[in-house]
Amino acid sequence: MRNIHDIYDRACKRCLSLSQKSTILLINGLYDKDYPPDSTVTYHWTEHEDRDLNRTLADTIITI
């Protein structure tokens, strides 16, 4: 089950990072906001590795 989760997590993060305009349109649509499409988007990835180099995939924080 973890492999399936990783596939969707990576796909969503990839889609978010492909186009800032698409990310803004998604945020506007999901959260009923009105950010201009040419706004600057900053991504704060919260992934890390532990001492055994096990990777932890976590949420992504997006600042518009």
Protein backbone atom coordinates (compact mmCIF):
# COMPACT_ATOMS: atom_id res chain seq x y z
CA MET A 1 0.00 0.00 0.00
CA ARG A 2 2.89 2.38 0.73
CA ASN A 3 4.13 2.13 -2.88
CA ILE A 4 0.71 3.22 -4.17
CA HIS A 5 0.70 6.18 -1.77
CA ASP A 6 4.19 7.20 -2.93
CA ILE A 7 3.14 7.14 -6.59
CA TYR A 8 0.19 9.48 -6.00
CA ASP A 9 2.19 11.72 -3.67
CA ARG A 10 4.98 12.13 -6.20
CA ALA A 11 2.54 12.67 -9.06
CA CYS A 12 0.68 15.42 -7.16
CA LYS A 13 3.90 17.17 -6.19
CA ARG A 14 5.15 16.97 -9.77
CA CYS A 15 1.91 18.48 -11.09
CA LEU A 16 2.13 21.33 -8.58
CA SER A 17 5.71 22.12 -9.55
CA LEU A 18 5.16 22.09 -13.34
CA SER A 19 3.25 25.35 -13.59
CA GLN A 20 2.84 28.17 -11.09
CA LYS A 21 -0.19 29.45 -13.00
CA SER A 22 -1.91 26.05 -12.76
CA THR A 23 -1.12 25.88 -9.05
CA ILE A 24 -2.69 29.32 -8.49
CA LEU A 25 -5.79 28.35 -10.50
CA LEU A 26 -6.10 25.14 -8.46
CA ILE A 27 -5.81 27.03 -5.14
CA ASN A 28 -8.31 29.65 -6.35
CA GLY A 29 -10.80 26.97 -7.37
CA LEU A 30 -10.44 24.74 -4.31
CA TYR A 31 -10.43 27.47 -1.68
CA ASP A 32 -12.60 30.15 -3.34
CA LYS A 33 -9.70 32.63 -3.54
CA ASP A 34 -8.88 35.24 -6.17
CA TYR A 35 -5.07 35.31 -6.45
CA PRO A 36 -3.87 36.84 -9.74
CA PRO A 37 -2.59 34.14 -12.16
CA ASP A 38 0.81 35.86 -12.40
CA SER A 39 1.43 35.76 -8.62
CA THR A 40 4.70 34.32 -7.35
CA VAL A 41 4.46 30.81 -5.90
CA THR A 42 7.02 29.55 -3.37
CA TYR A 43 7.20 25.83 -2.55
CA HIS A 44 8.42 24.60 0.82
CA TRP A 45 9.05 20.88 0.48
CA THR A 46 9.02 19.08 3.83
CA GLU A 47 10.67 15.81 2.82
CA HIS A 48 13.70 14.52 4.68
CA GLU A 49 15.85 11.46 5.39
CA ASP A 50 16.56 9.99 8.80
CA ARG A 51 19.90 8.56 10.03
CA ASP A 52 19.25 5.29 8.17
CA LEU A 53 18.51 7.24 4.97
CA ASN A 54 14.82 6.32 5.05
CA ARG A 55 12.98 9.00 3.14
CA THR A 56 9.90 10.60 4.69
CA LEU A 57 7.44 12.17 2.27
CA ALA A 58 5.48 14.91 3.98
CA ASP A 59 3.15 17.74 3.07
CA THR A 60 4.09 20.57 0.78
CA ILE A 61 3.61 24.13 1.95
CA ILE A 62 2.76 26.58 -0.82
CA THR A 63 3.05 30.33 -0.37
CA ILE A 64 1.41 32.66 -2.88
